[in-house]
Structure formats: C-alpha cells, structure tokens
Amino acid sequence: MTQPPPCLTVRPVTLDDAETIAALIADVDLVDTGVADYGIDELREGLSNPAVDLPGGSWLGFAGDRLVVFAVIWEKTGDLVEVDHYVRDGFLDEGEHVLALALGRVAELARDQGVPSLVASLGLTPKSALAQGSLQATGWQSVRRHNVMSKPVSAATDPAPVIPAGVRVRNPEGEADLRIVHAIREAAFAEHYDSRPQTFEEWTAAGRDRHEKSLSWIASVLRDDGSAEDVGVLLSRYRDTTGWVRVLGVLAEARGRGIGTLLLRLAFHGFAAAGQDTVGLGVDTENVTGALAVYERAGMTRLYAVDTWKITVSAATSAELASADQ
C-alpha cells in the first residue's frame, strides 16, 4: 500500500463523531445521488450496535480539520464482510488510502478466524469517487446492481387497501412474531443472489430486526380448515426524509396472489397517514422473484442505482498490510 497522502490524519470513530459523520454522508449523497435521507438517528443506531467494532473496524480521515473520509465494517455474515465508505469529491487519494486500511482489517479478521480468505463487499453509486477511481485496477469487481426505488405518497393517492378475502394482516408483536418474520425472510430470500443464512440471534445482533411496529406487517392466508399460515412480511422504518421499507418478502408458494403488493400498499398508506411524503426501498435489478416489476407496477420509480463491488482478501496478506500501515 502506498504511503498516506500528505496532511491526512486517520483515527477510529467514536459515538461522539455521529453528527460530523452524518454531515459528511449527506454532502456525499447529495453529490452522488441528489438526495440525502440517511439521518443521524439511524447512523447513531448503527454505530451503537455491539456487532460494530468502532476501535478496530472504523476510520475517519481528516484533511486538516475537515472530515473527508469515513469507513466502517458494519457486519460479517459467513465469509462476507460488509464495508461502508464515503469520501468527499476531490479527495480520492485519501479515500483509497482509508479503503486500504479497511481491507487490512478484513485480512486480519480472516487470519484471526483461521480461514484462508474473506470477501469484502462495498456498495457504491456509479457517480461515486471510488467507483470512478482505481477499484477495478486494484482487484475489485462490480458484481451486481441494486436500484433505490421511490414513490411520492399522500392521503389522496394512497388510501387504505382492501384486504382480500382469505388474507389477514397484523403488526408484529414481541419476540414470537419477530421469529416468524425472521423465518419468512430467510425462506423468501434463500434463492436470492448472495443470500447467506443467519440465525435469529445473528439477525437481531446485526440490527436487521429494527422496525416501526405500526408500519410493519405479517400477512397470513387462511387454510381450508380455517387456520392461518403466515406467508409474507414487511418491515419498515423512518429515515431522515423518507419512509423506508427494509424487508418485503413472500414465501414462494404464496407468490402471485398479490400479497407483496398488498403489503407495499399498506406501507404507502401508513406512511402517508403518518405525514411522510415519500416511501423508498432497495431492490436487486436481477431479482429472481420479479420484485422490480412489482414495485414498478405499484408506482415506484428508480431514484438512483447502487453497485455492489467485491474483492477476495487473503489472510496471508494481513502481515504485509499491517506493516504497510505503520
């Protein structure tokens, strides 16, 4: 790895840095996507997650007193390590240096866990400085594209949907319902690209269960004997300027019955009734279930794209990377 750029200082993140980091993210997002909806509360929640190693797995890069780079390792699932990275326009060298530090940490994780390698994953918009920099030349590959979809909502355009006969919906209540949500999510997404199984404990430890209860639902269908089978889930939450659908999944045997669309329209109506004017979500453009078409038929359009970049990091390189960071 090259020496750090002149005048760059790097240190770990603390919870007290949340406001400064949120301002950086907003500035970068406005340049890369035209919107800034990742709020400080969501950031604080993520940084406070016990699964996030702030001292060892986070970096702030300063040019003088100005924060220009933020990177963090959010989560490890199986052999996949999710890295987040934001760099201001005009500070690509600084951003690439901090990214190299993050990969050094991934190599250390592989070494510490006794595995030959781990895969680092990075989500970047096509306009981002890193995506237009030297990623490909340094071994990264762009492997998948997701669309962030958006729809304006209002009480006039998004009335409460009619619940079809034979279908029931309810808001999740307590751990028992959360376990149902997790089980449906695991089954519904098992066939998706890059799906890696998570236990309920892993899922909750990573904060994937967090949701706004009144704006989340479990859908059930009635069997011939009158009993109900849970087949679909939607979890959502507030972002800074957007209502956000975190999870929308329907079991394979229940698809094609409009349950996904019903859950989505419940979210549109619920957010509109709560005073929100926009609802968004992310979708894999090659989703095998045809989810993209479902969202488009429901009136959602692409706001921006996010590409997933990956690189395999060998544990054998950890000593070399560590010495290069001195």
Protein backbone atom coordinates (compact mmCIF):
# COMPACT_ATOMS: atom_id res chain seq x y z
CA MET A 1 0.00 0.00 0.00
CA THR A 2 1.20 3.50 -0.78
CA GLN A 3 2.06 5.99 1.95
CA PRO A 4 -0.84 8.12 3.23
CA PRO A 5 -1.42 11.34 1.31
CA PRO A 6 0.18 14.46 2.82
CA CYS A 7 -1.84 16.16 5.57
CA LEU A 8 -4.17 13.15 6.01
CA THR A 9 -4.73 12.03 9.58
CA VAL A 10 -6.74 8.91 10.37
CA ARG A 11 -8.33 7.77 13.61
CA PRO A 12 -11.13 5.42 14.73
CA VAL A 13 -14.75 6.53 15.08
CA THR A 14 -16.37 7.32 18.42
CA LEU A 15 -20.07 7.78 19.10
CA ASP A 16 -19.40 11.49 19.60
CA ASP A 17 -18.49 11.72 15.91
CA ALA A 18 -22.01 10.89 14.69
CA GLU A 19 -23.04 14.46 13.85
CA THR A 20 -19.85 15.14 11.88
CA ILE A 21 -20.13 11.84 10.01
CA ALA A 22 -23.81 12.45 9.21
CA ALA A 23 -22.88 15.80 7.66
CA LEU A 24 -20.22 14.10 5.51
CA ILE A 25 -22.64 11.39 4.37
CA ALA A 26 -25.27 13.99 3.47
CA ASP A 27 -22.75 16.00 1.44
CA VAL A 28 -21.50 12.92 -0.43
CA ASP A 29 -25.02 11.57 -1.04
CA LEU A 30 -26.19 14.89 -2.46
CA VAL A 31 -23.34 14.78 -4.99
CA ASP A 32 -23.69 11.07 -5.81
CA THR A 33 -27.48 10.62 -5.73
CA GLY A 34 -29.14 14.01 -5.46
CA VAL A 35 -30.81 13.10 -2.14
CA ALA A 36 -29.71 12.88 1.48
CA ASP A 37 -32.07 10.71 3.51
CA TYR A 38 -29.68 8.83 5.83
CA GLY A 39 -30.39 10.50 9.15
CA ILE A 40 -28.26 10.94 12.22
CA ASP A 41 -30.53 8.76 14.38
CA GLU A 42 -30.08 5.82 12.02
CA LEU A 43 -26.33 6.43 11.99
CA ARG A 44 -26.12 6.56 15.81
CA GLU A 45 -28.14 3.36 15.99
CA GLY A 46 -25.74 1.62 13.62
CA LEU A 47 -22.61 2.85 15.37
CA SER A 48 -24.05 1.80 18.75
CA ASN A 49 -24.62 -1.76 17.55
CA PRO A 50 -22.47 -4.12 19.67
CA ALA A 51 -21.58 -6.03 16.49
CA VAL A 52 -19.73 -2.97 15.14
CA ASP A 53 -16.12 -2.75 16.31
CA LEU A 54 -15.57 1.01 16.38
CA PRO A 55 -11.96 0.98 17.58
CA GLY A 56 -10.79 -1.78 15.25
CA GLY A 57 -13.19 -1.56 12.32
CA SER A 58 -13.83 2.12 11.68
CA TRP A 59 -11.86 5.02 10.22
CA LEU A 60 -12.16 8.78 9.94
CA GLY A 61 -9.81 10.60 7.58
CA PHE A 62 -9.18 14.31 8.05
CA ALA A 63 -7.55 16.80 5.72
CA GLY A 64 -6.54 19.36 8.30
CA ASP A 65 -9.63 19.80 10.47
CA ARG A 66 -12.07 18.73 7.74
CA LEU A 67 -13.54 15.23 7.69
CA VAL A 68 -13.13 13.91 4.15
CA VAL A 69 -13.39 10.10 4.53
CA PHE A 70 -15.49 7.76 6.66
CA ALA A 71 -15.33 3.96 6.53
CA VAL A 72 -16.74 1.25 8.78
CA ILE A 73 -17.15 -2.51 8.81
CA TRP A 74 -20.82 -2.97 9.58
CA GLU A 75 -21.25 -6.72 9.56
CA LYS A 76 -19.72 -10.11 8.84
CA THR A 77 -22.01 -12.89 7.60
CA GLY A 78 -20.31 -16.16 6.75
CA ASP A 79 -17.40 -15.25 4.51
CA LEU A 80 -18.82 -11.82 3.58
CA VAL A 81 -17.70 -8.60 5.27
CA GLU A 82 -19.82 -5.51 4.57
CA VAL A 83 -17.82 -2.29 4.33
CA ASP A 84 -19.31 1.19 4.08
CA HIS A 85 -17.21 4.04 2.68
CA TYR A 86 -17.83 7.72 1.98
CA VAL A 87 -15.28 10.14 0.53
CA ARG A 88 -15.67 13.77 -0.49
CA ASP A 89 -15.24 14.72 -4.11
CA GLY A 90 -11.64 15.79 -4.71
CA PHE A 91 -10.17 13.52 -2.04
CA LEU A 92 -9.86 10.24 -3.96
CA ASP A 93 -6.30 9.52 -2.78
CA GLU A 94 -7.42 9.90 0.81
CA GLY A 95 -10.42 7.67 0.18
CA GLU A 96 -8.33 4.94 -1.42
CA HIS A 97 -5.87 5.01 1.48
CA VAL A 98 -8.64 4.57 4.06
CA LEU A 99 -10.19 1.78 1.97
CA ALA A 100 -6.81 0.00 2.04
CA LEU A 101 -6.83 0.27 5.83
CA ALA A 102 -10.28 -1.33 5.89
CA LEU A 103 -9.07 -4.21 3.70
CA GLY A 104 -6.15 -4.66 6.07
CA ARG A 105 -8.64 -5.17 8.86
CA VAL A 106 -10.60 -7.69 6.75
CA ALA A 107 -7.35 -9.61 6.21
CA GLU A 108 -6.75 -9.59 9.96
CA LEU A 109 -10.27 -10.92 10.57
CA ALA A 110 -9.58 -13.79 8.16
CA ARG A 111 -6.29 -14.55 9.90
CA ASP A 112 -7.84 -14.39 13.38
CA GLN A 113 -10.66 -16.72 12.35
CA GLY A 114 -8.30 -19.21 10.76
CA VAL A 115 -9.84 -19.00 7.29
CA PRO A 116 -7.84 -18.55 4.08
CA SER A 117 -9.81 -15.51 2.91
CA LEU A 118 -12.88 -13.34 3.31
CA VAL A 119 -14.87 -11.40 0.74
CA ALA A 120 -15.21 -7.65 1.27
CA SER A 121 -18.36 -6.05 -0.14
CA LEU A 122 -18.81 -2.36 -0.87
CA GLY A 123 -21.91 -0.55 -2.16
CA LEU A 124 -21.21 2.46 -4.36
CA THR A 125 -23.24 4.62 -6.70
CA PRO A 126 -21.89 4.81 -10.27
CA LYS A 127 -21.10 8.51 -9.67
CA SER A 128 -19.05 7.92 -6.52
CA ALA A 129 -15.39 8.89 -6.50
CA LEU A 130 -14.25 5.35 -5.68
CA ALA A 131 -16.33 3.78 -8.44
CA GLN A 132 -14.74 6.13 -10.93
CA GLY A 133 -11.28 5.65 -9.42
CA SER A 134 -8.94 2.68 -9.38
CA LEU A 135 -11.16 -0.01 -7.85
CA GLN A 136 -11.08 -2.30 -10.86
CA ALA A 137 -7.32 -1.90 -11.28
CA THR A 138 -6.80 -2.99 -7.67
CA GLY A 139 -8.81 -6.20 -7.97
CA TRP A 140 -12.34 -5.12 -7.12
CA GLN A 141 -15.18 -6.34 -9.34
CA SER A 142 -18.62 -4.80 -9.82
CA VAL A 143 -20.90 -7.81 -9.46
CA ARG A 144 -24.48 -6.61 -9.00
CA ARG A 145 -26.68 -3.54 -9.32
CA HIS A 146 -29.47 -2.51 -6.99
CA ASN A 147 -31.97 0.23 -7.62
CA VAL A 148 -33.20 2.53 -4.90
CA MET A 149 -36.88 2.95 -5.76
CA SER A 150 -39.08 5.79 -4.61
CA LYS A 151 -42.73 6.83 -4.68
CA PRO A 152 -44.44 10.03 -3.53
CA VAL A 153 -47.31 9.19 -1.16
CA SER A 154 -50.27 11.13 0.18
CA ALA A 155 -53.63 10.52 1.80
CA ALA A 156 -55.32 11.31 -1.52
CA THR A 157 -53.28 8.94 -3.69
CA ASP A 158 -52.70 6.12 -1.20
CA PRO A 159 -55.91 5.11 0.58
CA ALA A 160 -56.04 2.08 2.83
CA PRO A 161 -56.04 -1.02 0.61
CA VAL A 162 -58.86 -3.53 0.74
CA ILE A 163 -57.74 -6.73 2.47
CA PRO A 164 -58.81 -9.64 0.21
CA ALA A 165 -60.97 -12.44 1.50
CA GLY A 166 -58.86 -15.22 2.93
CA VAL A 167 -55.97 -12.90 3.86
CA ARG A 168 -55.15 -11.47 7.28
CA VAL A 169 -52.56 -8.87 8.25
CA ARG A 170 -51.20 -7.89 11.65
CA ASN A 171 -48.43 -5.76 13.13
CA PRO A 172 -45.56 -7.79 14.62
CA GLU A 173 -45.83 -8.12 18.41
CA GLY A 174 -42.97 -9.35 20.58
CA GLU A 175 -40.27 -11.95 20.02
CA ALA A 176 -42.62 -14.69 18.79
CA ASP A 177 -43.70 -12.59 15.84
CA LEU A 178 -40.12 -11.44 15.20
CA ARG A 179 -39.09 -15.08 14.94
CA ILE A 180 -41.86 -15.56 12.36
CA VAL A 181 -40.59 -12.52 10.45
CA HIS A 182 -37.06 -13.92 10.51
CA ALA A 183 -38.16 -17.37 9.35
CA ILE A 184 -40.19 -15.97 6.44
CA ARG A 185 -37.36 -13.61 5.50
CA GLU A 186 -34.83 -16.45 5.48
CA ALA A 187 -37.05 -18.65 3.32
CA ALA A 188 -38.19 -15.89 0.96
CA PHE A 189 -34.65 -14.67 0.29
CA ALA A 190 -32.90 -18.06 0.22
CA GLU A 191 -32.89 -18.13 -3.59
CA HIS A 192 -31.66 -14.56 -3.95
CA TYR A 193 -28.20 -13.61 -5.11
CA ASP A 194 -25.60 -13.66 -2.35
CA SER A 195 -28.04 -14.87 0.28
CA ARG A 196 -26.28 -16.14 3.40
CA PRO A 197 -28.29 -17.81 6.17
CA GLN A 198 -28.46 -16.01 9.51
CA THR A 199 -29.73 -17.40 12.77
CA PHE A 200 -32.32 -15.35 14.62
CA GLU A 201 -29.65 -14.31 17.11
CA GLU A 202 -27.29 -13.17 14.34
CA TRP A 203 -30.10 -11.29 12.62
CA THR A 204 -31.11 -9.39 15.73
CA ALA A 205 -27.50 -8.76 16.81
CA ALA A 206 -26.87 -7.06 13.48
CA GLY A 207 -29.92 -4.83 13.97
CA ARG A 208 -31.78 -6.27 11.00
CA ASP A 209 -34.91 -6.65 13.12
CA ARG A 210 -35.33 -2.94 13.87
CA HIS A 211 -38.60 -1.57 12.55
CA GLU A 212 -41.53 0.76 13.16
CA LYS A 213 -44.14 -1.60 14.58
CA SER A 214 -47.21 0.32 13.34
CA LEU A 215 -45.75 0.41 9.82
CA SER A 216 -44.74 -3.26 9.60
CA TRP A 217 -46.95 -6.27 8.91
CA ILE A 218 -47.16 -10.05 8.79
CA ALA A 219 -49.56 -11.40 6.16
CA SER A 220 -51.36 -14.72 6.59
CA VAL A 221 -53.61 -16.79 4.35
CA LEU A 222 -56.46 -18.92 5.61
CA ARG A 223 -56.35 -22.65 5.00
CA ASP A 224 -59.42 -24.71 4.18
CA ASP A 225 -59.72 -25.77 7.82
CA GLY A 226 -59.85 -22.13 8.97
CA SER A 227 -56.34 -22.00 10.37
CA ALA A 228 -53.92 -19.30 9.22
CA GLU A 229 -50.49 -19.67 7.65
CA ASP A 230 -48.01 -16.79 7.83
CA VAL A 231 -46.61 -16.23 4.33
CA GLY A 232 -45.40 -12.63 3.95
CA VAL A 233 -43.66 -9.86 5.88
CA LEU A 234 -42.87 -6.19 5.53
CA LEU A 235 -40.66 -4.29 7.94
CA SER A 236 -40.26 -0.55 7.58
CA ARG A 237 -38.87 2.41 9.45
CA TYR A 238 -38.39 6.15 9.16
CA ARG A 239 -35.35 7.64 7.53
CA ASP A 240 -34.48 11.31 7.67
CA THR A 241 -36.76 12.37 4.80
CA THR A 242 -38.20 9.04 3.63
CA GLY A 243 -40.31 6.17 4.82
CA TRP A 244 -38.11 3.14 4.20
CA VAL A 245 -39.15 -0.46 3.52
CA ARG A 246 -36.35 -2.59 4.98
CA VAL A 247 -37.75 -6.06 4.26
CA LEU A 248 -40.51 -7.24 1.93
CA GLY A 249 -40.70 -10.98 1.40
CA VAL A 250 -43.34 -13.54 0.46
CA LEU A 251 -42.90 -17.31 0.59
CA ALA A 252 -42.55 -18.90 -2.84
CA GLU A 253 -45.76 -20.94 -2.54
CA ALA A 254 -47.81 -17.80 -1.81
CA ARG A 255 -46.49 -15.60 -4.60
CA GLY A 256 -48.69 -14.46 -7.45
CA ARG A 257 -51.63 -13.73 -5.14
CA GLY A 258 -50.96 -10.02 -4.69
CA ILE A 259 -49.70 -10.34 -1.12
CA GLY A 260 -46.47 -8.43 -1.78
CA THR A 261 -48.41 -5.61 -3.46
CA LEU A 262 -50.90 -5.57 -0.57
CA LEU A 263 -48.10 -5.19 1.98
CA LEU A 264 -46.49 -2.47 -0.10
CA ARG A 265 -49.76 -0.53 -0.36
CA LEU A 266 -50.26 -0.85 3.39
CA ALA A 267 -46.86 0.79 3.80
CA PHE A 268 -47.71 3.56 1.32
CA HIS A 269 -50.94 4.31 3.16
CA GLY A 270 -49.38 4.03 6.61
CA PHE A 271 -46.52 6.40 5.86
CA ALA A 272 -48.86 8.88 4.16
CA ALA A 273 -51.20 8.82 7.16
CA ALA A 274 -48.20 9.47 9.41
CA GLY A 275 -47.32 12.59 7.41
CA GLN A 276 -44.49 11.17 5.31
CA ASP A 277 -44.49 12.20 1.65
CA THR A 278 -42.09 9.64 0.16
CA VAL A 279 -41.51 5.88 0.51
CA GLY A 280 -38.37 4.15 -0.72
CA LEU A 281 -36.72 0.74 -0.84
CA GLY A 282 -33.81 -1.07 -2.46
CA VAL A 283 -34.18 -3.91 -4.96
CA ASP A 284 -31.79 -6.19 -6.81
CA THR A 285 -32.29 -5.45 -10.51
CA GLU A 286 -31.85 -9.16 -11.29
CA ASN A 287 -34.14 -10.34 -8.51
CA VAL A 288 -35.36 -13.82 -9.46
CA THR A 289 -38.83 -13.25 -7.99
CA GLY A 290 -39.64 -10.34 -10.31
CA ALA A 291 -39.80 -7.89 -7.40
CA LEU A 292 -38.63 -4.98 -9.55
CA ALA A 293 -41.68 -5.30 -11.79
CA VAL A 294 -43.96 -5.48 -8.73
CA TYR A 295 -42.57 -2.21 -7.43
CA GLU A 296 -42.84 -0.54 -10.81
CA ARG A 297 -46.48 -1.61 -11.15
CA ALA A 298 -47.12 -0.13 -7.71
CA GLY A 299 -45.92 3.25 -8.98
CA MET A 300 -42.33 3.23 -7.75
CA THR A 301 -39.55 4.56 -9.97
CA ARG A 302 -35.77 4.41 -9.77
CA LEU A 303 -34.21 7.21 -7.76
CA TYR A 304 -30.61 6.06 -8.20
CA ALA A 305 -28.51 2.91 -8.61
CA VAL A 306 -26.05 1.27 -6.23
CA ASP A 307 -23.46 -1.19 -7.49
CA THR A 308 -22.06 -3.94 -5.28
CA TRP A 309 -18.28 -4.26 -5.56
CA LYS A 310 -16.41 -7.24 -4.14
CA ILE A 311 -12.85 -8.35 -3.58
CA THR A 312 -11.42 -11.50 -2.03
CA VAL A 313 -8.99 -10.65 0.75
CA SER A 314 -6.47 -13.31 1.69
CA ALA A 315 -5.47 -13.83 5.29
CA ALA A 316 -1.93 -14.44 4.04
CA THR A 317 -1.61 -10.74 3.19
CA SER A 318 -2.51 -9.45 6.66
CA ALA A 319 1.07 -9.18 7.95
CA GLU A 320 2.15 -7.34 4.82
CA LEU A 321 -0.78 -4.94 5.04
CA ALA A 322 -0.22 -4.33 8.74
CA SER A 323 3.42 -3.45 8.19
CA ALA A 324 2.48 -1.14 5.32
CA ASP A 325 0.20 0.80 7.64
CA GLN A 326 2.97 1.68 10.08
